[in-house]
Amino acid sequence: MQTTHPTEATVASINGIALHNAGDALTADELRQRAYAELLRQTAMQKGLLDAHDAPGTDGVASEAASSAIETLLEQELQVPEPSEEACRRHHAANQASHYTTGERVHVRHILFAVTPGVDLNALRKQAEGTLLNVRCFDGTNTKTGTDDAFGTAAKTLSNCPSGADGGQLGWLTTADCAPEFAKALFGHTEVGVLPRLVQSRFGLHVVEVLGREAGVAQPFESVHGAVRMTLKQQTYVTALRQYLSLVAGQASVHGVSLEAADTSLVQ
């Protein structure tokens, strides 16, 4: 793979096909997503699954024909075996508390440091880490006023979530109430109090306090076997897709975007 490093005015491209218009402001993730989609579109064309006259776009939206061709390409190229029952049982045993329990509830409050366009991520993380340290050191009722605590005060003054006005209170939550990455940090654990680490979600960085927990009921393997099997198949699919994308990226001329690439076939 031939790769060049972008400048401020660079238009990223795959094999000479532009991924965006000059001056477009794209995040690194958005640029990579467009690059991988264009790699797959071109690969589908090379394999005769897409008409050679299909026009590439610079808006990140593939044609209906291209989307269909890419779906067919991945069905042909990715081999996703059925997981064994032994593998399913191992996964269930290792993840029962966090994924296969019903009725668990957690009473939570948080301070959100939102990731917004143009925000300085390093500065945001430092602010969030400083706040986490402060509320852990001074958790509990504010001894000077006797009315408020460090966490609630920080939530009211710093949080980018509307809950900040109420001291960060989110109330009693179930897994269905949360983004998956937020739920993963909260459920299936025993910790109570301010969590010793920041929780990162699609919304930003969270300082989180667990005020209470209500245990759920563990689901036996037999009742969730289908869900376990689909989870393992999805994990295998994601791994196979990453390997395939690395392989096609290794055979392409990539300009202005950083992609993982392999120069030889990968064993799945």
Protein backbone atom coordinates (compact mmCIF):
# COMPACT_ATOMS: atom_id res chain seq x y z
CA MET A 1 0.00 0.00 0.00
CA GLN A 2 1.32 3.44 -0.92
CA THR A 3 0.35 6.04 1.64
CA THR A 4 1.03 9.78 1.77
CA HIS A 5 0.52 12.03 4.76
CA PRO A 6 -2.21 14.67 4.44
CA THR A 7 -1.70 18.41 4.65
CA GLU A 8 -4.40 20.91 5.58
CA ALA A 9 -5.50 21.16 1.93
CA THR A 10 -5.23 17.44 1.16
CA VAL A 11 -8.15 15.65 -0.49
CA ALA A 12 -7.98 12.03 0.64
CA SER A 13 -8.36 9.38 -2.03
CA ILE A 14 -8.35 5.65 -2.70
CA ASN A 15 -6.68 4.63 -5.97
CA GLY A 16 -7.13 8.19 -7.20
CA ILE A 17 -10.84 8.42 -6.30
CA ALA A 18 -11.55 11.38 -4.00
CA LEU A 19 -13.33 10.65 -0.73
CA HIS A 20 -14.55 14.21 -0.13
CA ASN A 21 -14.51 17.72 -1.52
CA ALA A 22 -11.69 20.15 -0.82
CA GLY A 23 -12.37 22.05 2.38
CA ASP A 24 -14.74 19.45 3.85
CA ALA A 25 -14.24 19.10 7.61
CA LEU A 26 -14.26 15.39 8.46
CA THR A 27 -13.15 13.61 11.60
CA ALA A 28 -10.52 10.88 11.31
CA ASP A 29 -13.19 8.23 11.93
CA GLU A 30 -15.49 9.64 9.23
CA LEU A 31 -12.61 9.71 6.76
CA ARG A 32 -11.65 6.10 7.53
CA GLN A 33 -15.27 4.97 7.14
CA ARG A 34 -15.45 6.60 3.71
CA ALA A 35 -12.10 5.08 2.74
CA TYR A 36 -13.14 1.55 3.66
CA ALA A 37 -16.49 1.96 1.88
CA GLU A 38 -14.68 3.12 -1.28
CA LEU A 39 -12.24 0.21 -1.04
CA LEU A 40 -15.17 -2.20 -0.92
CA ARG A 41 -16.96 -0.41 -3.78
CA GLN A 42 -13.88 -0.69 -5.98
CA THR A 43 -13.31 -4.32 -5.00
CA ALA A 44 -16.93 -5.18 -5.87
CA MET A 45 -16.37 -3.54 -9.26
CA GLN A 46 -13.17 -5.52 -9.86
CA LYS A 47 -14.99 -8.76 -9.11
CA GLY A 48 -17.77 -7.96 -11.57
CA LEU A 49 -20.43 -7.39 -8.91
CA LEU A 50 -20.88 -3.70 -9.78
CA ASP A 51 -21.15 -1.92 -13.11
CA ALA A 52 -17.89 -0.23 -14.10
CA HIS A 53 -19.80 3.00 -14.70
CA ASP A 54 -21.05 3.28 -11.10
CA ALA A 55 -20.15 6.82 -10.13
CA PRO A 56 -18.23 7.38 -6.86
CA GLY A 57 -19.50 10.13 -4.57
CA THR A 58 -17.71 12.64 -2.38
CA ASP A 59 -20.58 12.96 0.09
CA GLY A 60 -20.08 9.60 1.78
CA VAL A 61 -23.30 8.13 0.36
CA ALA A 62 -22.97 5.07 -1.88
CA SER A 63 -25.41 4.35 -4.71
CA GLU A 64 -28.07 1.72 -4.13
CA ALA A 65 -26.31 -0.54 -6.63
CA ALA A 66 -22.97 -0.11 -4.84
CA SER A 67 -24.50 -0.89 -1.45
CA SER A 68 -26.07 -4.06 -2.82
CA ALA A 69 -22.82 -5.09 -4.53
CA ILE A 70 -20.80 -4.56 -1.35
CA GLU A 71 -23.27 -6.70 0.60
CA THR A 72 -22.89 -9.48 -1.98
CA LEU A 73 -19.10 -9.12 -1.92
CA LEU A 74 -18.92 -9.55 1.85
CA GLU A 75 -21.26 -12.54 1.74
CA GLN A 76 -18.89 -14.20 -0.75
CA GLU A 77 -15.59 -13.24 0.87
CA LEU A 78 -16.22 -13.56 4.61
CA GLN A 79 -16.48 -17.02 6.06
CA VAL A 80 -18.21 -16.96 9.45
CA PRO A 81 -18.48 -20.46 10.97
CA GLU A 82 -21.13 -21.40 13.50
CA PRO A 83 -19.71 -21.26 17.04
CA SER A 84 -19.52 -24.56 18.89
CA GLU A 85 -21.74 -25.22 21.88
CA GLU A 86 -18.62 -25.41 24.03
CA ALA A 87 -17.62 -21.90 22.93
CA CYS A 88 -21.16 -20.65 23.60
CA ARG A 89 -21.15 -22.11 27.10
CA ARG A 90 -17.75 -20.57 27.87
CA HIS A 91 -18.96 -17.16 26.71
CA HIS A 92 -22.15 -17.44 28.75
CA ALA A 93 -20.25 -18.42 31.90
CA ALA A 94 -17.77 -15.56 31.50
CA ASN A 95 -20.42 -12.92 30.75
CA GLN A 96 -23.49 -14.05 32.66
CA ALA A 97 -23.33 -11.27 35.24
CA SER A 98 -22.86 -8.46 32.73
CA HIS A 99 -24.88 -9.65 29.71
CA TYR A 100 -27.26 -12.43 30.67
CA THR A 101 -28.99 -11.13 33.77
CA THR A 102 -32.46 -9.58 33.78
CA GLY A 103 -33.92 -7.03 36.15
CA GLU A 104 -30.65 -5.50 37.40
CA ARG A 105 -30.97 -1.80 38.24
CA VAL A 106 -28.37 0.78 39.16
CA HIS A 107 -28.97 4.18 40.79
CA VAL A 108 -26.55 6.59 39.11
CA ARG A 109 -25.48 10.18 38.83
CA HIS A 110 -22.81 11.50 36.48
CA ILE A 111 -20.83 14.49 35.25
CA LEU A 112 -20.59 14.58 31.46
CA PHE A 113 -17.70 16.17 29.58
CA ALA A 114 -19.17 16.14 26.07
CA VAL A 115 -17.05 15.57 22.98
CA THR A 116 -18.16 18.21 20.49
CA PRO A 117 -16.73 19.29 17.11
CA GLY A 118 -13.47 21.19 17.55
CA VAL A 119 -13.04 20.35 21.23
CA ASP A 120 -9.47 19.85 22.49
CA LEU A 121 -9.66 16.19 23.53
CA ASN A 122 -6.48 16.29 25.62
CA ALA A 123 -7.67 19.31 27.55
CA LEU A 124 -11.13 17.75 27.97
CA ARG A 125 -9.65 14.51 29.35
CA LYS A 126 -7.40 16.42 31.75
CA GLN A 127 -10.42 18.37 33.03
CA ALA A 128 -12.44 15.17 33.43
CA GLU A 129 -9.58 13.38 35.22
CA GLY A 130 -9.07 16.36 37.52
CA THR A 131 -12.77 16.38 38.38
CA LEU A 132 -12.73 12.63 39.02
CA LEU A 133 -9.82 13.01 41.43
CA ASN A 134 -11.51 15.92 43.19
CA VAL A 135 -14.85 14.20 43.77
CA ARG A 136 -13.14 11.00 44.92
CA CYS A 137 -11.05 12.93 47.44
CA PHE A 138 -13.93 15.09 48.68
CA ASP A 139 -16.86 12.71 48.28
CA GLY A 140 -19.71 13.18 50.74
CA THR A 141 -21.41 16.16 52.31
CA ASN A 142 -19.62 19.48 51.97
CA THR A 143 -18.43 20.15 55.50
CA LYS A 144 -18.39 23.91 54.99
CA THR A 145 -22.03 24.26 54.02
CA GLY A 146 -23.50 21.00 55.24
CA THR A 147 -25.91 21.12 52.33
CA ASP A 148 -24.18 19.94 49.19
CA ASP A 149 -21.48 17.49 48.20
CA ALA A 150 -18.50 17.85 45.88
CA PHE A 151 -20.03 15.60 43.23
CA GLY A 152 -23.32 17.48 43.06
CA THR A 153 -21.57 20.85 42.95
CA ALA A 154 -19.24 19.70 40.15
CA ALA A 155 -22.20 18.32 38.17
CA LYS A 156 -24.07 21.62 38.43
CA THR A 157 -21.10 23.70 37.30
CA LEU A 158 -19.30 21.42 34.84
CA SER A 159 -21.64 18.79 33.37
CA ASN A 160 -22.75 19.13 29.74
CA CYS A 161 -25.85 17.02 30.49
CA PRO A 162 -29.22 18.55 31.47
CA SER A 163 -29.05 16.32 34.57
CA GLY A 164 -26.32 18.64 35.85
CA ALA A 165 -29.00 21.02 37.14
CA ASP A 166 -30.12 18.20 39.45
CA GLY A 167 -26.62 17.36 40.63
CA GLY A 168 -26.11 14.82 37.84
CA GLN A 169 -28.96 12.55 38.92
CA LEU A 170 -29.97 9.95 36.32
CA GLY A 171 -32.13 7.91 38.70
CA TRP A 172 -32.54 4.13 38.59
CA LEU A 173 -31.38 2.70 35.25
CA THR A 174 -31.60 -0.66 33.49
CA THR A 175 -29.36 -1.75 30.63
CA ALA A 176 -32.09 -0.69 28.19
CA ASP A 177 -31.81 2.90 29.43
CA CYS A 178 -28.12 3.26 28.55
CA ALA A 179 -25.79 3.33 25.58
CA PRO A 180 -24.09 -0.11 25.39
CA GLU A 181 -20.65 1.23 26.31
CA PHE A 182 -22.12 3.07 29.33
CA ALA A 183 -24.08 -0.01 30.42
CA LYS A 184 -20.95 -2.17 30.19
CA ALA A 185 -19.24 0.01 32.78
CA LEU A 186 -22.22 -0.02 35.14
CA PHE A 187 -23.87 -3.41 35.09
CA GLY A 188 -22.54 -6.77 36.20
CA HIS A 189 -20.30 -5.17 38.83
CA THR A 190 -20.48 -4.70 42.59
CA GLU A 191 -18.87 -1.27 42.94
CA VAL A 192 -20.77 1.42 44.82
CA GLY A 193 -19.59 5.01 45.08
CA VAL A 194 -17.61 7.11 42.61
CA LEU A 195 -16.10 4.79 40.01
CA PRO A 196 -12.28 4.99 40.06
CA ARG A 197 -12.05 5.52 36.31
CA LEU A 198 -13.65 7.68 33.64
CA VAL A 199 -16.39 6.05 31.60
CA GLN A 200 -16.15 6.78 27.88
CA SER A 201 -19.27 6.69 25.72
CA ARG A 202 -20.39 8.04 22.36
CA PHE A 203 -21.42 11.21 24.21
CA GLY A 204 -18.08 11.92 25.84
CA LEU A 205 -16.32 11.27 29.14
CA HIS A 206 -18.31 10.59 32.30
CA VAL A 207 -17.44 10.81 35.96
CA VAL A 208 -19.90 8.32 37.46
CA GLU A 209 -21.16 7.62 40.96
CA VAL A 210 -23.19 4.50 41.74
CA LEU A 211 -25.55 5.33 44.58
CA GLY A 212 -27.22 1.93 44.82
CA ARG A 213 -27.68 -1.43 43.13
CA GLU A 214 -30.50 -3.95 42.82
CA ALA A 215 -29.32 -7.39 41.76
CA GLY A 216 -30.89 -9.04 38.73
CA VAL A 217 -31.75 -12.65 38.02
CA ALA A 218 -29.20 -14.71 36.10
CA GLN A 219 -30.56 -16.34 32.94
CA PRO A 220 -29.63 -20.02 32.40
CA PHE A 221 -27.69 -20.95 29.28
CA GLU A 222 -30.62 -22.82 27.75
CA SER A 223 -32.83 -19.73 27.73
CA VAL A 224 -30.27 -17.46 26.04
CA HIS A 225 -28.44 -19.94 23.81
CA GLY A 226 -29.65 -18.19 20.64
CA ALA A 227 -28.49 -14.77 21.83
CA VAL A 228 -25.10 -16.18 22.85
CA ARG A 229 -24.64 -17.85 19.47
CA MET A 230 -25.50 -14.64 17.58
CA THR A 231 -23.10 -12.63 19.77
CA LEU A 232 -20.21 -14.97 19.00
CA LYS A 233 -21.05 -14.98 15.28
CA GLN A 234 -21.06 -11.18 15.27
CA GLN A 235 -17.68 -11.09 16.99
CA THR A 236 -16.26 -13.51 14.42
CA TYR A 237 -17.76 -11.47 11.58
CA VAL A 238 -16.20 -8.24 12.86
CA THR A 239 -12.78 -9.91 13.09
CA ALA A 240 -13.09 -11.34 9.59
CA LEU A 241 -14.22 -7.99 8.20
CA ARG A 242 -11.26 -6.17 9.76
CA GLN A 243 -8.87 -8.71 8.29
CA TYR A 244 -10.45 -8.41 4.85
CA LEU A 245 -10.37 -4.61 4.93
CA SER A 246 -6.69 -4.72 5.93
CA LEU A 247 -5.98 -7.01 3.00
CA VAL A 248 -7.70 -4.84 0.37
CA ALA A 249 -6.14 -1.71 1.87
CA GLY A 250 -2.72 -3.33 1.48
CA GLN A 251 -3.32 -3.67 -2.26
CA ALA A 252 -4.52 -0.10 -2.78
CA SER A 253 -2.94 3.32 -3.27
CA VAL A 254 -4.15 5.28 -0.23
CA HIS A 255 -3.68 9.04 -0.01
CA GLY A 256 -4.47 11.37 2.89
CA VAL A 257 -5.98 8.84 5.30
CA SER A 258 -4.40 6.33 7.69
CA LEU A 259 -5.63 2.74 7.35
CA GLU A 260 -4.50 -0.56 8.80
CA ALA A 261 -3.14 -2.61 5.94
CA ALA A 262 -1.76 -6.10 5.38
CA ASP A 263 0.46 -6.94 2.43
CA THR A 264 -0.40 -10.65 2.42
CA SER A 265 -3.47 -12.78 2.97
CA LEU A 266 -4.53 -13.21 6.58
CA VAL A 267 -5.57 -16.47 8.10
CA GLN A 268 -9.03 -16.19 9.64
